[in-house]
């Protein structure tokens, strides 16, 4: 691990030396919140990489994703069906 940390600045010269200002205070204040946030960020990166890789092999210029969901509408549908 220490050798990777020594090599990283040479490989990524624009990488900041400190990351504290990039991490929200709430994530640092509670270890469980920080761990969950880290897991969610990692999951988002893995999903994005998978979408990019899939688009590449399909010959697309970028990943195809669904449009944003209308959560107001989905909530109304949920409530109607729940009743």
N, C-alpha and C. Protein backbone atom coordinates (compact mmCIF):
# COMPACT_ATOMS: atom_id res chain seq x y z
N UNK A 1 0.82 -1.19 0.00
CA UNK A 1 0.00 0.00 0.00
C UNK A 1 0.87 1.26 0.00
N UNK A 2 1.90 1.28 0.81
CA UNK A 2 2.75 2.46 0.89
C UNK A 2 3.43 2.74 -0.45
N UNK A 3 3.85 1.70 -1.15
CA UNK A 3 4.51 1.92 -2.44
C UNK A 3 3.52 2.48 -3.46
N UNK A 4 2.27 2.04 -3.41
CA UNK A 4 1.25 2.57 -4.32
C UNK A 4 1.00 4.04 -4.04
N UNK A 5 0.98 4.41 -2.77
CA UNK A 5 0.77 5.82 -2.40
C UNK A 5 1.94 6.68 -2.85
N UNK A 6 3.15 6.14 -2.86
CA UNK A 6 4.31 6.90 -3.34
C UNK A 6 4.25 7.10 -4.85
N UNK A 7 3.78 6.11 -5.58
CA UNK A 7 3.74 6.15 -7.03
C UNK A 7 2.57 6.97 -7.59
N UNK A 8 1.51 7.09 -6.84
CA UNK A 8 0.30 7.72 -7.33
C UNK A 8 0.50 9.16 -7.82
N UNK A 9 1.20 10.04 -7.11
CA UNK A 9 1.39 11.40 -7.62
C UNK A 9 2.09 11.46 -8.98
N UNK A 10 3.01 10.55 -9.24
CA UNK A 10 3.68 10.53 -10.53
C UNK A 10 2.75 10.08 -11.66
N UNK A 11 1.83 9.19 -11.33
CA UNK A 11 0.88 8.70 -12.33
C UNK A 11 -0.28 9.67 -12.55
N UNK A 12 -0.67 10.36 -11.50
CA UNK A 12 -1.78 11.32 -11.57
C UNK A 12 -1.34 12.65 -10.98
N UNK A 13 -0.60 13.45 -11.74
CA UNK A 13 -0.04 14.68 -11.19
C UNK A 13 -1.08 15.71 -10.77
N UNK A 14 -2.28 15.67 -11.33
CA UNK A 14 -3.32 16.63 -10.96
C UNK A 14 -4.09 16.22 -9.71
N UNK A 15 -3.80 15.06 -9.18
CA UNK A 15 -4.48 14.56 -8.00
C UNK A 15 -4.10 15.41 -6.78
N UNK A 16 -5.08 15.94 -6.03
CA UNK A 16 -4.73 16.75 -4.85
C UNK A 16 -4.04 15.90 -3.78
N UNK A 17 -3.21 16.55 -2.98
CA UNK A 17 -2.52 15.83 -1.90
C UNK A 17 -3.48 15.48 -0.77
N UNK A 18 -4.43 16.35 -0.51
CA UNK A 18 -5.41 16.13 0.56
C UNK A 18 -6.81 16.06 -0.04
N UNK A 19 -7.62 15.19 0.52
CA UNK A 19 -8.97 15.01 0.03
C UNK A 19 -10.03 15.46 1.03
N UNK A 20 -9.61 15.90 2.20
CA UNK A 20 -10.57 16.23 3.26
C UNK A 20 -11.63 17.23 2.79
N UNK A 21 -11.22 18.21 1.99
CA UNK A 21 -12.18 19.23 1.55
C UNK A 21 -13.19 18.68 0.54
N UNK A 22 -12.92 17.52 -0.02
CA UNK A 22 -13.82 16.90 -0.99
C UNK A 22 -14.85 15.98 -0.35
N UNK A 23 -14.62 15.60 0.89
CA UNK A 23 -15.50 14.67 1.59
C UNK A 23 -16.41 15.47 2.52
N UNK A 24 -17.73 15.35 2.36
CA UNK A 24 -18.65 16.08 3.24
C UNK A 24 -18.40 15.76 4.71
N UNK A 25 -18.59 16.76 5.55
CA UNK A 25 -18.32 16.62 6.98
C UNK A 25 -19.15 15.49 7.60
N UNK A 26 -20.40 15.32 7.15
CA UNK A 26 -21.26 14.28 7.70
C UNK A 26 -20.68 12.89 7.42
N UNK A 27 -20.01 12.73 6.29
CA UNK A 27 -19.42 11.44 5.97
C UNK A 27 -18.25 11.14 6.90
N UNK A 28 -17.52 12.19 7.28
CA UNK A 28 -16.37 12.00 8.17
C UNK A 28 -16.78 11.88 9.62
N UNK A 29 -17.92 12.46 9.99
CA UNK A 29 -18.34 12.49 11.39
C UNK A 29 -18.81 11.13 11.89
N UNK A 30 -19.46 10.36 11.04
CA UNK A 30 -20.01 9.07 11.44
C UNK A 30 -19.40 7.97 10.57
N UNK A 31 -18.64 7.07 11.15
CA UNK A 31 -17.99 6.02 10.36
C UNK A 31 -18.96 5.18 9.53
N UNK A 32 -20.16 4.93 10.05
CA UNK A 32 -21.13 4.14 9.29
C UNK A 32 -21.64 4.91 8.08
N UNK A 33 -21.87 6.20 8.24
CA UNK A 33 -22.29 7.04 7.12
C UNK A 33 -21.17 7.10 6.09
N UNK A 34 -19.94 7.27 6.55
CA UNK A 34 -18.80 7.30 5.65
C UNK A 34 -18.63 6.02 4.88
N UNK A 35 -18.81 4.88 5.56
CA UNK A 35 -18.68 3.60 4.88
C UNK A 35 -19.78 3.41 3.84
N UNK A 36 -21.01 3.77 4.19
CA UNK A 36 -22.11 3.64 3.24
C UNK A 36 -21.89 4.54 2.03
N UNK A 37 -21.45 5.77 2.27
CA UNK A 37 -21.19 6.70 1.17
C UNK A 37 -20.09 6.17 0.26
N UNK A 38 -19.04 5.63 0.84
CA UNK A 38 -17.96 5.06 0.06
C UNK A 38 -18.46 3.89 -0.80
N UNK A 39 -19.27 3.04 -0.21
CA UNK A 39 -19.82 1.91 -0.96
C UNK A 39 -20.72 2.37 -2.10
N UNK A 40 -21.53 3.40 -1.86
CA UNK A 40 -22.42 3.92 -2.90
C UNK A 40 -21.61 4.55 -4.03
N UNK A 41 -20.56 5.30 -3.68
CA UNK A 41 -19.71 5.90 -4.71
C UNK A 41 -19.02 4.82 -5.53
N UNK A 42 -18.50 3.81 -4.87
CA UNK A 42 -17.83 2.72 -5.57
C UNK A 42 -18.81 2.02 -6.51
N UNK A 43 -20.01 1.77 -6.02
CA UNK A 43 -21.03 1.11 -6.84
C UNK A 43 -21.36 1.95 -8.07
N UNK A 44 -21.46 3.26 -7.89
CA UNK A 44 -21.75 4.14 -9.03
C UNK A 44 -20.62 4.09 -10.06
N UNK A 45 -19.39 4.06 -9.59
CA UNK A 45 -18.25 3.97 -10.51
C UNK A 45 -18.24 2.65 -11.27
N UNK A 46 -18.53 1.57 -10.58
CA UNK A 46 -18.56 0.25 -11.22
C UNK A 46 -19.67 0.22 -12.26
N UNK A 47 -20.86 0.75 -11.92
CA UNK A 47 -21.96 0.79 -12.87
C UNK A 47 -21.61 1.63 -14.09
N UNK A 48 -21.01 2.79 -13.86
CA UNK A 48 -20.64 3.67 -14.97
C UNK A 48 -19.61 2.98 -15.87
N UNK A 49 -18.65 2.31 -15.28
CA UNK A 49 -17.65 1.60 -16.07
C UNK A 49 -18.30 0.49 -16.89
N UNK A 50 -19.23 -0.22 -16.30
CA UNK A 50 -19.93 -1.28 -17.01
C UNK A 50 -20.72 -0.72 -18.18
N UNK A 51 -21.41 0.40 -17.97
CA UNK A 51 -22.17 1.04 -19.05
C UNK A 51 -21.25 1.52 -20.17
N UNK A 52 -20.13 2.13 -19.80
CA UNK A 52 -19.18 2.59 -20.82
C UNK A 52 -18.60 1.43 -21.62
N UNK A 53 -18.24 0.36 -20.92
CA UNK A 53 -17.67 -0.81 -21.60
C UNK A 53 -18.70 -1.42 -22.54
N UNK A 54 -19.93 -1.54 -22.09
CA UNK A 54 -20.99 -2.09 -22.92
C UNK A 54 -21.20 -1.23 -24.17
N UNK A 55 -21.23 0.09 -23.99
CA UNK A 55 -21.41 1.00 -25.13
C UNK A 55 -20.25 0.85 -26.12
N UNK A 56 -19.04 0.73 -25.61
CA UNK A 56 -17.87 0.56 -26.47
C UNK A 56 -18.02 -0.67 -27.37
N UNK A 57 -18.37 -1.80 -26.76
CA UNK A 57 -18.47 -3.04 -27.53
C UNK A 57 -19.68 -3.08 -28.45
N UNK A 58 -20.66 -2.21 -28.19
CA UNK A 58 -21.81 -2.11 -29.09
C UNK A 58 -21.59 -1.06 -30.17
N UNK A 59 -20.43 -0.40 -30.14
CA UNK A 59 -20.11 0.62 -31.13
C UNK A 59 -20.87 1.92 -30.94
N UNK A 60 -21.34 2.18 -29.74
CA UNK A 60 -22.08 3.41 -29.46
C UNK A 60 -21.12 4.53 -29.04
N UNK A 61 -21.55 5.76 -29.23
CA UNK A 61 -20.70 6.89 -28.83
C UNK A 61 -20.73 7.11 -27.32
N UNK A 62 -21.72 6.59 -26.67
CA UNK A 62 -21.82 6.72 -25.21
C UNK A 62 -22.84 5.73 -24.68
N UNK A 63 -22.90 5.57 -23.38
CA UNK A 63 -23.83 4.60 -22.81
C UNK A 63 -25.29 5.02 -22.99
N UNK A 64 -26.14 4.03 -23.15
CA UNK A 64 -27.58 4.29 -23.21
C UNK A 64 -28.14 4.07 -21.81
N UNK A 65 -28.79 5.08 -21.30
CA UNK A 65 -29.43 4.98 -19.99
C UNK A 65 -30.86 5.49 -20.12
N UNK A 66 -31.68 5.06 -19.22
CA UNK A 66 -33.06 5.50 -19.21
C UNK A 66 -33.14 6.96 -18.77
N UNK A 67 -34.17 7.67 -19.21
CA UNK A 67 -34.35 9.04 -18.70
C UNK A 67 -34.65 9.01 -17.20
N UNK A 68 -34.44 10.13 -16.54
CA UNK A 68 -34.71 10.20 -15.11
C UNK A 68 -36.16 9.82 -14.82
N UNK A 69 -36.36 9.13 -13.72
CA UNK A 69 -37.70 8.72 -13.31
C UNK A 69 -38.43 9.90 -12.68
N UNK A 70 -39.74 9.95 -12.90
CA UNK A 70 -40.60 10.95 -12.28
C UNK A 70 -41.09 10.36 -10.96
N UNK A 71 -40.37 10.64 -9.88
CA UNK A 71 -40.69 10.01 -8.61
C UNK A 71 -42.02 10.50 -8.04
N UNK A 72 -42.43 11.71 -8.38
CA UNK A 72 -43.75 12.18 -7.95
C UNK A 72 -44.84 11.30 -8.54
N UNK A 73 -44.73 11.01 -9.83
CA UNK A 73 -45.70 10.14 -10.49
C UNK A 73 -45.62 8.72 -9.94
N UNK A 74 -44.42 8.20 -9.78
CA UNK A 74 -44.27 6.85 -9.25
C UNK A 74 -44.85 6.72 -7.85
N UNK A 75 -44.71 7.77 -7.05
CA UNK A 75 -45.27 7.75 -5.69
C UNK A 75 -46.79 7.69 -5.74
N UNK A 76 -47.38 8.48 -6.64
CA UNK A 76 -48.85 8.47 -6.78
C UNK A 76 -49.34 7.08 -7.21
N UNK A 77 -48.65 6.48 -8.18
CA UNK A 77 -49.02 5.14 -8.63
C UNK A 77 -48.89 4.15 -7.48
N UNK A 78 -47.81 4.25 -6.73
CA UNK A 78 -47.60 3.36 -5.58
C UNK A 78 -48.74 3.49 -4.58
N UNK A 79 -49.08 4.74 -4.23
CA UNK A 79 -50.15 4.97 -3.25
C UNK A 79 -51.49 4.46 -3.74
N UNK A 80 -51.77 4.65 -5.03
CA UNK A 80 -53.05 4.16 -5.58
C UNK A 80 -53.12 2.64 -5.49
N UNK A 81 -52.04 1.98 -5.85
CA UNK A 81 -52.04 0.51 -5.81
C UNK A 81 -52.02 -0.02 -4.39
N UNK A 82 -51.41 0.71 -3.50
CA UNK A 82 -51.33 0.29 -2.10
C UNK A 82 -52.72 0.32 -1.47
N UNK A 83 -53.55 1.31 -1.84
CA UNK A 83 -54.90 1.41 -1.30
C UNK A 83 -55.73 0.26 -1.80
